[in-house]
Amino acid sequence: MNVVGYVRLSRDEDKENYSSIVAQKEIIIEYAKKLNWEICRMYVDDNYSGYTFDRPAFNRMKEDIENGKVDVIIAKDISRIGRHNAKTLLFIEYVQTNGKRLVLPEEGSGYDTESDDDDILGIKTWYNERYVKDISKKIKANMHIKQRKGELVMGNLYGYIKDPNNKSKLYIDENIRPIIQLIFKLYIDGLGYKKISDILNEKSYPTPSAYIKQKHAESGRVFKNLVSDLWQTHNIQRIVQNDLYIGTLWTHKKQNKKIGGKQEKVKKEEQYCFENHHEAIISKEDFELAQQINNKRRSLIDYSGKSFSNVKATYKGNAKYDYIFSSFVFCGDCGFAATGKNLGRKPKVIRGYECTQYAKYGLQRCVSHNVWEDKLLFFFKEFLKEIKNQYEEYLKTFNFEQSRKNVTESLNRLQKELKVTNEELKILLNQKIKDIIKETNAEFREIIEDSYSQLENDKKARINELTIKIEELKRVGNKDIEKKIQTAIDKFDSIIESERPDRKVIEMILDRILIYHDKTIEFKLLVDISELTYDNTSMI
């Protein structure tokens, strides 16, 4: 008979009176001895909330139940299984359905699914859930009080450094000040998000996530979010539109409506705004000018889209003809949409595309230029052939050996980091025990315990993250890469070989087509072919 123990601890829930991991294990082992049972393994979730049932050890235990490796589960009491009423009761039903047994030695006078009635247990699980929800409400209330005062509860602010002695104070990070100022100068000078990001990448300026990760590492912390080493358009957009850089601070921008749920944006009117909160990096005049430029550019895009959709509907209704590139063609001179229309005179029919601004306003808005659809399709196919020829050799001779080597190197790197992080956790726990033993004052011992809890959380989170990545990497094979390559070839061939390409295939690869008055045609794909065949293992 396979008898296992389950142990869970969450200091946030249980605070002063929690039963330690060691104490829970002792209770389980002692109970098993009385029945001459031998514990074959212990599942331990240290510092995991009972409200969520997505816990590493708990999930492994369920897998073992389904694989026939568990017959009896012993836990100290029902709160160790969980504090979510419905989910806890569902787990008990799950155990019974699978023909297993759950024993809770310290649940009342003891509870055993094999012999005891679970009616009272439902009341207890309801109480446990109310308990954790009450704590959650208190934490949220405390956070809101701090946010209303302008204190920085969480988050990283690119360009500013938090004062460690004053949670409501920010001062400028002089390493980042020139980057922020350059971004606003280039934008006001007329450059777009893409061009600005290219310039920053050429200068090797650190992206917000890369810089924050670096600062975390310097202070011995783990940055858990995804890191991008290259500037992208959305990075520039967020900075240009962020009034943080004129000294304004917004707090309470996101909140969790449910325990363990995803963060949701808070309505602007419900956020807390503090103007002149800190020293500005950008003048208010430059910031306002940047917003005016941004609004003008956005209105042009919006208007182009609206005018196109309206005209498109009219022409489609009159001509009863579905243009191959409808919604893709834009005027390269004025930026507005180019709509499908009959460019010939009756009875001659020449399907094509013409700038909507010229068609509506004449030379006041743009110049006369259009393109036949047959020619546009011919040039598009030729363009795809050229792109395909450029990369065909690369696609067909993809270095699978190098791919395997990349996977191996990434795997070795992650495993090495996992080993180091485990060692760091051991050292941290040993130091914690030493500090607690040395301290005789009970209140100070609690402060030490709280101080170490976040450090332990960070290390354990990183260990869990690394473990997941390692398992994912072990499953990575060349089949996925090969499939992407073949898909790319198929998409190109489907359009090149078709008399009238499938609209869905076009939408999968084409972003837009720009037509110019000098007869130049520019095709923009949604993604570069090299990105389609990029080995994502290097991103792990």
Protein backbone atom coordinates (compact mmCIF):
# COMPACT_ATOMS: atom_id res chain seq x y z
CA MET A 1 0.00 0.00 0.00
CA ASN A 2 1.41 3.39 -1.03
CA VAL A 3 0.92 5.87 1.81
CA VAL A 4 1.98 9.48 1.17
CA GLY A 5 1.94 12.71 3.13
CA TYR A 6 0.90 16.14 1.91
CA VAL A 7 2.20 19.32 3.54
CA ARG A 8 1.34 22.92 2.68
CA LEU A 9 2.37 26.19 4.25
CA SER A 10 1.39 29.79 3.52
CA ARG A 11 2.72 32.38 5.94
CA ASP A 12 0.44 35.05 4.51
CA GLU A 13 -2.62 32.99 5.50
CA ASP A 14 -1.49 31.51 8.79
CA LYS A 15 0.83 34.27 10.06
CA GLU A 16 1.76 33.73 13.72
CA ASN A 17 0.04 30.40 14.40
CA TYR A 18 1.00 28.43 11.33
CA SER A 19 2.07 24.85 11.73
CA SER A 20 5.57 24.60 10.25
CA ILE A 21 6.56 22.19 7.51
CA VAL A 22 8.57 20.14 10.01
CA ALA A 23 5.69 20.03 12.50
CA GLN A 24 3.22 18.87 9.83
CA LYS A 25 5.59 16.13 8.71
CA GLU A 26 6.01 14.93 12.29
CA ILE A 27 2.22 14.74 12.75
CA ILE A 28 1.86 12.71 9.55
CA ILE A 29 4.73 10.32 10.37
CA GLU A 30 3.55 9.81 13.95
CA TYR A 31 0.01 9.01 12.81
CA ALA A 32 1.29 6.55 10.22
CA LYS A 33 3.39 4.73 12.83
CA LYS A 34 0.33 4.12 14.97
CA LEU A 35 -1.23 2.22 12.07
CA ASN A 36 2.05 0.51 11.10
CA TRP A 37 2.09 2.42 7.84
CA GLU A 38 5.26 3.55 6.14
CA ILE A 39 5.28 6.92 4.39
CA CYS A 40 6.76 6.32 0.94
CA ARG A 41 6.96 10.00 -0.05
CA MET A 42 6.10 13.52 1.10
CA TYR A 43 4.59 16.19 -1.16
CA VAL A 44 5.54 19.65 0.10
CA ASP A 45 4.19 23.01 -1.10
CA ASP A 46 6.08 25.60 0.94
CA ASN A 47 4.51 29.08 1.01
CA TYR A 48 1.68 28.38 -1.43
CA SER A 49 -1.81 29.74 -0.88
CA GLY A 50 -4.52 27.22 -0.14
CA TYR A 51 -6.94 29.22 -2.25
CA THR A 52 -5.26 28.16 -5.46
CA PHE A 53 -5.07 24.49 -6.39
CA ASP A 54 -2.34 25.01 -8.97
CA ARG A 55 0.59 24.02 -6.75
CA PRO A 56 3.66 22.06 -7.92
CA ALA A 57 3.66 19.30 -5.31
CA PHE A 58 -0.14 19.06 -5.26
CA ASN A 59 -0.19 18.63 -9.04
CA ARG A 60 2.48 15.91 -8.85
CA MET A 61 0.45 14.12 -6.21
CA LYS A 62 -2.63 14.14 -8.46
CA GLU A 63 -0.57 12.74 -11.33
CA ASP A 64 0.68 9.95 -9.05
CA ILE A 65 -2.89 9.22 -7.95
CA GLU A 66 -3.93 8.76 -11.56
CA ASN A 67 -0.86 6.61 -12.25
CA GLY A 68 -1.65 4.28 -9.35
CA LYS A 69 1.29 5.38 -7.19
CA VAL A 70 -0.86 6.61 -4.30
CA ASP A 71 -3.37 4.70 -2.16
CA VAL A 72 -3.63 6.79 1.04
CA ILE A 73 -3.00 10.52 1.55
CA ILE A 74 -2.34 11.89 5.03
CA ALA A 75 -2.48 15.64 5.70
CA LYS A 76 -2.58 17.46 9.04
CA ASP A 77 -6.08 18.92 8.49
CA ILE A 78 -8.43 20.02 5.72
CA SER A 79 -6.95 23.54 5.53
CA ARG A 80 -3.67 21.97 4.31
CA ILE A 81 -5.53 20.51 1.33
CA GLY A 82 -7.04 23.89 0.50
CA ARG A 83 -8.98 26.95 1.60
CA HIS A 84 -11.28 27.15 -1.43
CA ASN A 85 -14.56 25.59 -0.35
CA ALA A 86 -15.79 24.16 -3.66
CA LYS A 87 -12.38 23.05 -4.93
CA THR A 88 -11.52 21.35 -1.64
CA LEU A 89 -14.75 19.36 -1.65
CA LEU A 90 -14.22 18.48 -5.31
CA PHE A 91 -10.77 17.14 -4.45
CA ILE A 92 -12.21 14.94 -1.73
CA GLU A 93 -14.73 13.62 -4.27
CA TYR A 94 -11.86 13.14 -6.74
CA VAL A 95 -9.96 11.03 -4.19
CA GLN A 96 -12.98 8.88 -3.48
CA THR A 97 -13.87 8.49 -7.17
CA ASN A 98 -10.37 7.19 -7.83
CA GLY A 99 -10.73 4.65 -5.03
CA LYS A 100 -8.16 6.36 -2.80
CA ARG A 101 -8.25 7.40 0.82
CA LEU A 102 -7.71 10.77 2.54
CA VAL A 103 -6.85 10.89 6.24
CA LEU A 104 -6.76 14.11 8.31
CA PRO A 105 -5.52 13.30 11.88
CA GLU A 106 -6.09 16.78 13.37
CA GLU A 107 -9.36 17.63 11.63
CA GLY A 108 -11.66 17.75 14.66
CA SER A 109 -11.41 14.35 16.28
CA GLY A 110 -9.88 12.99 13.08
CA TYR A 111 -11.29 12.43 9.61
CA ASP A 112 -11.03 9.50 7.21
CA THR A 113 -12.88 9.40 3.86
CA GLU A 114 -13.19 5.62 4.23
CA SER A 115 -15.29 5.77 7.39
CA ASP A 116 -16.40 9.32 8.25
CA ASP A 117 -19.33 11.49 7.11
CA ASP A 118 -18.22 14.63 5.26
CA ASP A 119 -21.28 16.79 6.01
CA ILE A 120 -19.53 18.79 8.76
CA LEU A 121 -16.42 18.97 6.64
CA GLY A 122 -18.26 21.16 4.13
CA ILE A 123 -18.87 23.75 6.84
CA LYS A 124 -15.20 23.68 7.80
CA THR A 125 -14.03 24.21 4.20
CA TRP A 126 -16.46 27.13 3.89
CA TYR A 127 -14.97 28.67 7.04
CA ASN A 128 -11.42 28.19 5.70
CA GLU A 129 -12.36 29.99 2.49
CA ARG A 130 -13.91 32.91 4.39
CA TYR A 131 -10.73 33.12 6.45
CA VAL A 132 -8.41 33.51 3.46
CA LYS A 133 -10.80 35.95 1.74
CA ASP A 134 -10.84 38.09 4.88
CA ILE A 135 -7.04 38.24 4.86
CA SER A 136 -7.07 39.11 1.17
CA LYS A 137 -9.46 42.00 1.80
CA LYS A 138 -7.22 43.34 4.58
CA ILE A 139 -4.16 43.19 2.31
CA LYS A 140 -6.00 45.00 -0.50
CA ALA A 141 -7.29 47.66 1.92
CA ASN A 142 -3.77 48.22 3.23
CA MET A 143 -2.43 48.53 -0.33
CA HIS A 144 -5.12 51.06 -1.26
CA ILE A 145 -4.25 53.19 1.76
CA LYS A 146 -0.61 53.27 0.65
CA GLN A 147 -1.57 53.98 -2.97
CA ARG A 148 -3.81 56.88 -1.92
CA LYS A 149 -0.78 58.35 -0.14
CA GLY A 150 1.30 58.05 -3.29
CA GLU A 151 3.45 55.21 -1.95
CA LEU A 152 4.98 52.81 -4.46
CA VAL A 153 3.68 49.41 -3.46
CA MET A 154 5.09 47.52 -6.44
CA GLY A 155 6.33 47.88 -9.99
CA ASN A 156 9.47 49.08 -11.74
CA LEU A 157 9.71 52.54 -13.28
CA TYR A 158 12.16 52.88 -16.17
CA GLY A 159 14.05 56.13 -15.73
CA TYR A 160 13.50 56.46 -11.99
CA ILE A 161 14.88 54.90 -8.82
CA LYS A 162 12.84 54.35 -5.67
CA ASP A 163 14.18 55.84 -2.47
CA PRO A 164 14.78 52.83 -0.17
CA ASN A 165 14.06 54.98 2.89
CA ASN A 166 10.93 56.67 1.55
CA LYS A 167 8.44 54.57 -0.42
CA SER A 168 6.69 57.63 -1.85
CA LYS A 169 9.83 59.27 -3.26
CA LEU A 170 11.43 58.85 -6.70
CA TYR A 171 14.61 60.32 -8.08
CA ILE A 172 15.94 60.26 -11.63
CA ASP A 173 18.15 57.42 -12.79
CA GLU A 174 20.92 59.35 -14.53
CA ASN A 175 21.86 56.29 -16.59
CA ILE A 176 18.45 56.35 -18.28
CA ARG A 177 17.70 60.10 -18.40
CA PRO A 178 19.51 60.62 -21.77
CA ILE A 179 17.63 57.67 -23.35
CA ILE A 180 14.22 59.09 -22.39
CA GLN A 181 15.21 62.55 -23.62
CA LEU A 182 16.50 61.13 -26.92
CA ILE A 183 13.26 59.20 -27.52
CA PHE A 184 11.14 62.35 -27.10
CA LYS A 185 13.51 64.45 -29.24
CA LEU A 186 13.46 61.94 -32.11
CA TYR A 187 9.68 61.58 -31.92
CA ILE A 188 9.10 65.35 -31.96
CA ASP A 189 11.54 65.60 -34.88
CA GLY A 190 9.19 63.39 -36.88
CA LEU A 191 10.58 59.88 -36.50
CA GLY A 192 8.18 56.98 -35.97
CA TYR A 193 8.25 54.28 -33.30
CA LYS A 194 9.99 51.77 -35.58
CA LYS A 195 12.77 54.15 -36.64
CA ILE A 196 13.40 55.24 -33.05
CA SER A 197 13.61 51.64 -31.86
CA ASP A 198 16.11 50.91 -34.67
CA ILE A 199 18.29 53.83 -33.56
CA LEU A 200 18.24 52.71 -29.92
CA ASN A 201 19.15 49.17 -30.95
CA GLU A 202 22.04 50.49 -33.06
CA LYS A 203 23.33 52.39 -30.04
CA SER A 204 22.87 49.24 -27.84
CA TYR A 205 20.83 51.17 -25.27
CA PRO A 206 19.27 48.79 -22.70
CA THR A 207 15.55 48.10 -23.03
CA PRO A 208 13.35 48.65 -19.95
CA SER A 209 13.09 44.91 -19.16
CA ALA A 210 16.81 44.26 -19.75
CA TYR A 211 17.81 47.20 -17.54
CA ILE A 212 15.42 46.27 -14.74
CA LYS A 213 16.69 42.68 -14.84
CA GLN A 214 20.24 43.97 -14.54
CA LYS A 215 19.35 46.14 -11.51
CA HIS A 216 17.56 43.19 -9.88
CA ALA A 217 20.63 40.99 -10.35
CA GLU A 218 22.89 43.64 -8.82
CA SER A 219 20.73 43.67 -5.69
CA GLY A 220 20.48 39.86 -5.51
CA ARG A 221 16.87 39.67 -6.64
CA VAL A 222 15.21 37.68 -9.42
CA PHE A 223 13.35 39.48 -12.22
CA LYS A 224 10.48 37.13 -13.11
CA ASN A 225 9.07 38.86 -16.19
CA LEU A 226 10.02 38.24 -19.81
CA VAL A 227 13.08 40.16 -21.00
CA SER A 228 13.57 41.62 -24.47
CA ASP A 229 17.08 42.70 -25.44
CA LEU A 230 15.85 44.63 -28.48
CA TRP A 231 13.74 47.76 -28.52
CA GLN A 232 10.32 47.35 -30.11
CA THR A 233 7.69 49.83 -31.20
CA HIS A 234 5.47 49.24 -28.17
CA ASN A 235 8.38 50.19 -25.86
CA ILE A 236 8.67 53.57 -27.56
CA GLN A 237 4.90 54.08 -27.60
CA ARG A 238 4.57 53.47 -23.85
CA ILE A 239 7.36 55.91 -23.04
CA VAL A 240 6.09 58.65 -25.38
CA GLN A 241 2.58 58.43 -23.89
CA ASN A 242 3.66 58.11 -20.24
CA ASP A 243 3.26 61.27 -18.16
CA LEU A 244 5.55 59.76 -15.51
CA TYR A 245 8.34 61.63 -17.29
CA ILE A 246 6.80 65.06 -16.56
CA GLY A 247 6.58 64.29 -12.84
CA THR A 248 3.12 62.70 -12.62
CA LEU A 249 2.56 59.48 -10.70
CA TRP A 250 -0.47 57.20 -11.10
CA THR A 251 -1.15 54.46 -8.54
CA HIS A 252 -3.86 51.79 -8.23
CA LYS A 253 -3.68 51.19 -11.99
CA LYS A 254 -4.32 47.45 -11.70
CA GLN A 255 -6.00 45.16 -9.23
CA ASN A 256 -6.90 41.52 -8.64
CA LYS A 257 -10.65 41.12 -8.33
CA LYS A 258 -10.29 37.47 -7.37
CA ILE A 259 -7.75 35.77 -5.14
CA GLY A 260 -5.08 34.33 -7.37
CA GLY A 261 -6.73 35.84 -10.44
CA LYS A 262 -5.18 37.91 -13.20
CA GLN A 263 -4.61 41.60 -12.70
CA GLU A 264 -7.15 43.81 -14.42
CA LYS A 265 -6.85 47.47 -15.39
CA VAL A 266 -8.61 49.95 -13.13
CA LYS A 267 -10.69 52.69 -14.74
CA LYS A 268 -8.77 55.94 -15.07
CA GLU A 269 -11.20 57.83 -12.85
CA GLU A 270 -10.66 55.29 -10.06
CA GLN A 271 -6.87 55.57 -10.11
CA TYR A 272 -4.90 57.94 -7.86
CA CYS A 273 -3.05 60.77 -9.60
CA PHE A 274 -0.20 62.82 -8.07
CA GLU A 275 1.00 65.69 -10.24
CA ASN A 276 4.45 67.22 -9.60
CA HIS A 277 5.20 64.12 -7.58
CA HIS A 278 8.85 63.87 -8.64
CA GLU A 279 11.45 65.61 -10.78
CA ALA A 280 10.57 65.63 -14.48
CA ILE A 281 12.85 64.29 -17.21
CA ILE A 282 10.81 65.89 -20.02
CA SER A 283 9.30 69.38 -20.04
CA LYS A 284 5.52 69.60 -20.08
CA GLU A 285 5.70 71.55 -23.35
CA ASP A 286 7.64 68.77 -25.09
CA PHE A 287 5.34 66.13 -23.64
CA GLU A 288 2.19 67.94 -24.83
CA LEU A 289 3.74 68.39 -28.28
CA ALA A 290 4.50 64.68 -28.43
CA GLN A 291 0.88 63.89 -27.53
CA GLN A 292 -0.40 66.23 -30.26
CA ILE A 293 1.83 64.51 -32.82
CA ASN A 294 0.72 61.11 -31.61
CA ASN A 295 -2.98 62.04 -31.82
CA LYS A 296 -2.57 63.40 -35.34
CA ARG A 297 -0.82 60.25 -36.53
CA ARG A 298 -3.41 58.04 -34.90
CA SER A 299 -6.30 60.03 -36.36
CA LEU A 300 -4.79 59.67 -39.83
CA ILE A 301 -4.66 55.91 -39.42
CA ASP A 302 -8.18 55.79 -37.99
CA TYR A 303 -9.54 58.01 -40.73
CA SER A 304 -7.73 55.98 -43.38
CA GLY A 305 -9.27 52.81 -42.03
CA LYS A 306 -12.77 54.30 -41.82
CA SER A 307 -12.68 55.91 -45.24
CA PHE A 308 -11.45 52.69 -46.74
CA SER A 309 -14.10 50.50 -45.15
CA ASN A 310 -16.85 52.87 -46.27
CA VAL A 311 -15.65 53.16 -49.86
CA LYS A 312 -14.90 49.47 -50.02
CA ALA A 313 -18.49 48.63 -49.08
CA THR A 314 -19.80 50.94 -51.79
CA TYR A 315 -17.63 49.58 -54.56
CA LYS A 316 -18.20 45.99 -53.51
CA GLY A 317 -21.95 46.56 -53.61
CA ASN A 318 -21.95 48.24 -57.01
CA ALA A 319 -19.42 46.04 -58.79
CA LYS A 320 -20.33 42.78 -57.04
CA TYR A 321 -16.66 41.93 -57.13
CA ASP A 322 -14.35 40.86 -54.31
CA TYR A 323 -11.02 42.55 -54.77
CA ILE A 324 -8.10 40.27 -53.96
CA PHE A 325 -6.20 42.91 -51.97
CA SER A 326 -9.10 44.82 -50.43
CA SER A 327 -8.07 46.44 -47.12
CA PHE A 328 -4.37 45.85 -47.86
CA VAL A 329 -3.61 48.63 -50.36
CA PHE A 330 -2.61 52.11 -49.15
CA CYS A 331 -1.31 55.22 -50.85
CA GLY A 332 2.39 55.53 -50.16
CA ASP A 333 2.29 59.30 -50.70
CA CYS A 334 -0.53 60.43 -48.39
CA GLY A 335 -0.92 57.34 -46.22
CA PHE A 336 -4.65 56.94 -46.81
CA ALA A 337 -6.33 53.82 -48.12
CA ALA A 338 -6.43 52.92 -51.80
CA THR A 339 -9.74 51.31 -52.63
CA GLY A 340 -10.75 48.82 -55.29
CA LYS A 341 -12.57 50.22 -58.31
CA ASN A 342 -13.06 49.80 -62.06
CA LEU A 343 -10.30 51.82 -63.70
CA GLY A 344 -11.62 51.30 -67.27
CA ARG A 345 -14.47 52.97 -69.13
CA LYS A 346 -17.57 51.05 -70.14
CA PRO A 347 -17.75 48.45 -71.51
CA LYS A 348 -14.07 47.84 -70.62
CA VAL A 349 -13.51 46.45 -67.12
CA ILE A 350 -10.10 46.96 -65.49
CA ARG A 351 -10.07 46.06 -61.82
CA GLY A 352 -7.62 48.09 -59.79
CA TYR A 353 -6.94 50.34 -56.81
CA GLU A 354 -6.89 54.14 -56.53
CA CYS A 355 -5.98 56.54 -53.72
CA THR A 356 -9.21 57.55 -51.97
CA GLN A 357 -7.94 61.06 -51.21
CA TYR A 358 -7.27 61.80 -54.87
CA ALA A 359 -10.55 60.19 -55.95
CA LYS A 360 -12.49 62.36 -53.50
CA TYR A 361 -10.55 65.66 -53.36
CA GLY A 362 -8.29 65.60 -56.40
CA LEU A 363 -4.91 67.36 -56.40
CA GLN A 364 -5.78 69.23 -53.21
CA ARG A 365 -5.02 66.10 -51.17
CA CYS A 366 -2.88 63.82 -53.37
CA VAL A 367 -1.72 63.11 -56.92
CA SER A 368 -3.31 60.89 -59.54
CA HIS A 369 -2.09 57.34 -59.37
CA ASN A 370 -3.56 53.86 -59.42
CA VAL A 371 -2.59 50.25 -60.16
CA TRP A 372 -4.31 47.42 -62.00
CA GLU A 373 -5.13 44.41 -59.88
CA ASP A 374 -3.67 41.99 -62.46
CA LYS A 375 -0.37 43.85 -62.38
CA LEU A 376 -0.44 44.08 -58.59
CA LEU A 377 -0.98 40.32 -58.30
CA PHE A 378 1.82 39.66 -60.83
CA PHE A 379 4.29 41.88 -58.94
CA PHE A 380 3.25 40.35 -55.61
CA LYS A 381 3.96 36.84 -56.90
CA GLU A 382 7.32 37.99 -58.28
CA PHE A 383 8.10 39.56 -54.92
CA LEU A 384 7.30 36.30 -53.13
CA LYS A 385 9.41 34.34 -55.61
CA GLU A 386 12.35 36.63 -54.91
CA ILE A 387 11.93 36.31 -51.16
CA LYS A 388 11.54 32.56 -51.45
CA ASN A 389 14.66 32.27 -53.63
CA GLN A 390 16.66 34.32 -51.13
CA TYR A 391 15.80 31.97 -48.28
CA GLU A 392 15.12 28.71 -50.05
CA GLU A 393 18.65 27.47 -49.63
CA TYR A 394 18.53 28.47 -46.00
CA LEU A 395 15.19 26.76 -45.48
CA LYS A 396 16.15 23.53 -47.21
CA THR A 397 19.58 23.28 -45.60
CA PHE A 398 18.49 24.28 -42.13
CA ASN A 399 21.19 23.22 -39.70
CA PHE A 400 19.34 20.74 -37.54
CA GLU A 401 22.62 19.73 -35.94
CA GLN A 402 23.17 23.30 -34.80
CA SER A 403 19.57 23.37 -33.56
CA ARG A 404 20.18 20.30 -31.43
CA LYS A 405 23.38 21.91 -30.16
CA ASN A 406 21.44 25.06 -29.22
CA VAL A 407 18.89 23.00 -27.32
CA THR A 408 21.66 21.13 -25.47
CA GLU A 409 23.50 24.35 -24.59
CA SER A 410 20.30 26.01 -23.36
CA LEU A 411 19.42 22.93 -21.34
CA ASN A 412 22.88 22.81 -19.74
CA ARG A 413 22.70 26.49 -18.91
CA LEU A 414 19.28 26.18 -17.27
CA GLN A 415 20.29 23.07 -15.33
CA LYS A 416 23.41 24.81 -14.09
CA GLU A 417 21.36 27.81 -12.97
CA LEU A 418 18.86 25.47 -11.28
CA LYS A 419 21.66 23.79 -9.35
CA VAL A 420 23.11 27.14 -8.26
CA THR A 421 19.67 28.46 -7.23
CA ASN A 422 18.99 25.32 -5.17
CA GLU A 423 22.30 25.80 -3.41
CA GLU A 424 21.51 29.45 -2.78
CA LEU A 425 18.17 28.44 -1.25
CA LYS A 426 19.89 25.95 1.05
CA ILE A 427 22.35 28.62 2.18
CA LEU A 428 19.48 31.06 2.72
CA LEU A 429 17.51 28.58 4.84
CA ASN A 430 20.59 27.70 6.91
CA GLN A 431 21.30 31.37 7.56
CA LYS A 432 17.67 31.92 8.49
CA ILE A 433 17.79 29.11 11.07
CA LYS A 434 21.02 30.52 12.53
CA ASP A 435 19.53 34.02 12.83
CA ILE A 436 16.36 32.72 14.48
CA ILE A 437 18.31 30.57 16.97
CA LYS A 438 20.50 33.53 17.94
CA GLU A 439 17.49 35.80 18.58
CA THR A 440 15.83 35.37 22.00
CA ASN A 441 13.12 37.99 21.54
CA ALA A 442 9.95 36.39 20.11
CA GLU A 443 8.89 39.59 18.33
CA PHE A 444 12.27 39.96 16.66
CA ARG A 445 12.18 36.31 15.62
CA GLU A 446 8.92 36.99 13.80
CA ILE A 447 10.53 39.98 12.03
CA ILE A 448 13.41 37.76 10.93
CA GLU A 449 10.92 35.16 9.70
CA ASP A 450 9.04 37.77 7.65
CA SER A 451 12.27 39.22 6.25
CA TYR A 452 13.40 35.86 4.96
CA SER A 453 10.01 34.83 3.53
CA GLN A 454 10.21 37.05 0.41
CA LEU A 455 13.77 35.91 -0.30
CA GLU A 456 12.64 32.29 -0.02
CA ASN A 457 9.67 33.03 -2.28
CA ASP A 458 11.91 34.53 -4.97
CA LYS A 459 14.29 31.57 -4.91
CA LYS A 460 11.48 29.02 -4.98
CA ALA A 461 9.70 30.86 -7.78
CA ARG A 462 12.87 30.83 -9.84
CA ILE A 463 13.44 27.13 -9.11
CA ASN A 464 9.89 26.36 -10.23
CA GLU A 465 10.31 28.52 -13.34
CA LEU A 466 13.61 26.84 -14.24
CA THR A 467 12.17 23.37 -13.69
CA ILE A 468 9.27 24.10 -16.04
CA LYS A 469 11.59 25.56 -18.68
CA ILE A 470 13.88 22.54 -18.47
CA GLU A 471 10.96 20.16 -18.96
CA GLU A 472 9.70 22.22 -21.89
CA LEU A 473 13.15 22.30 -23.44
CA LYS A 474 13.49 18.56 -23.14
CA ARG A 475 10.37 18.25 -25.27
CA VAL A 476 11.65 20.66 -27.92
CA GLY A 477 12.63 18.88 -31.12
CA ASN A 478 13.40 19.64 -34.69
CA LYS A 479 9.90 18.64 -35.76
CA ASP A 480 8.49 22.01 -34.66
CA ILE A 481 11.17 23.90 -36.55
CA GLU A 482 10.74 21.70 -39.61
CA LYS A 483 6.99 22.27 -39.49
CA LYS A 484 7.46 26.05 -39.42
CA ILE A 485 9.80 25.87 -42.39
CA GLN A 486 7.38 23.75 -44.40
CA THR A 487 4.48 26.01 -43.48
CA ALA A 488 6.39 29.05 -44.72
CA ILE A 489 7.15 27.33 -48.04
CA ASP A 490 3.55 26.18 -48.43
CA LYS A 491 2.17 29.68 -47.87
CA PHE A 492 4.43 31.20 -50.50
CA ASP A 493 3.80 28.41 -53.00
CA SER A 494 0.04 28.58 -52.44
CA ILE A 495 -0.02 32.21 -53.59
CA ILE A 496 2.58 31.89 -56.34
CA GLU A 497 0.88 28.90 -57.98
CA SER A 498 -2.71 30.10 -57.61
CA GLU A 499 -4.54 32.07 -60.30
CA ARG A 500 -6.56 33.77 -57.57
CA PRO A 501 -4.90 33.32 -54.12
CA ASP A 502 -6.92 32.29 -51.10
CA ARG A 503 -7.76 35.40 -49.05
CA LYS A 504 -7.02 33.58 -45.80
CA VAL A 505 -3.49 32.72 -46.93
CA ILE A 506 -2.87 36.33 -47.95
CA GLU A 507 -4.03 37.54 -44.54
CA MET A 508 -1.61 35.14 -42.87
CA ILE A 509 1.47 36.73 -44.48
CA LEU A 510 0.63 40.19 -45.89
CA ASP A 511 0.53 43.34 -43.77
CA ARG A 512 -0.02 46.03 -46.41
CA ILE A 513 0.82 47.22 -49.93
CA LEU A 514 1.94 50.79 -50.60
CA ILE A 515 1.49 52.30 -54.05
CA TYR A 516 3.31 55.51 -55.05
CA HIS A 517 2.70 58.05 -57.82
CA ASP A 518 6.04 57.11 -59.49
CA LYS A 519 4.64 53.56 -60.02
CA THR A 520 6.72 52.12 -57.18
CA ILE A 521 5.00 49.33 -55.25
CA GLU A 522 6.10 48.31 -51.77
CA PHE A 523 5.01 45.04 -50.14
CA LYS A 524 5.16 44.62 -46.37
CA LEU A 525 4.79 41.16 -44.84
CA LEU A 526 3.38 40.51 -41.38
CA VAL A 527 6.53 38.67 -40.39
CA ASP A 528 9.93 38.28 -41.95
CA ILE A 529 10.57 34.78 -43.28
CA SER A 530 13.66 34.49 -41.07
CA GLU A 531 11.42 35.03 -38.03
CA LEU A 532 9.13 32.24 -39.21
CA THR A 533 12.08 29.86 -39.16
CA TYR A 534 13.73 31.29 -36.05
CA ASP A 535 14.79 28.72 -33.48
CA ASN A 536 12.92 29.79 -30.38
CA THR A 537 15.12 27.74 -28.05
CA SER A 538 17.51 30.69 -27.94
CA MET A 539 14.76 32.72 -26.26
CA ILE A 540 14.52 30.38 -23.27
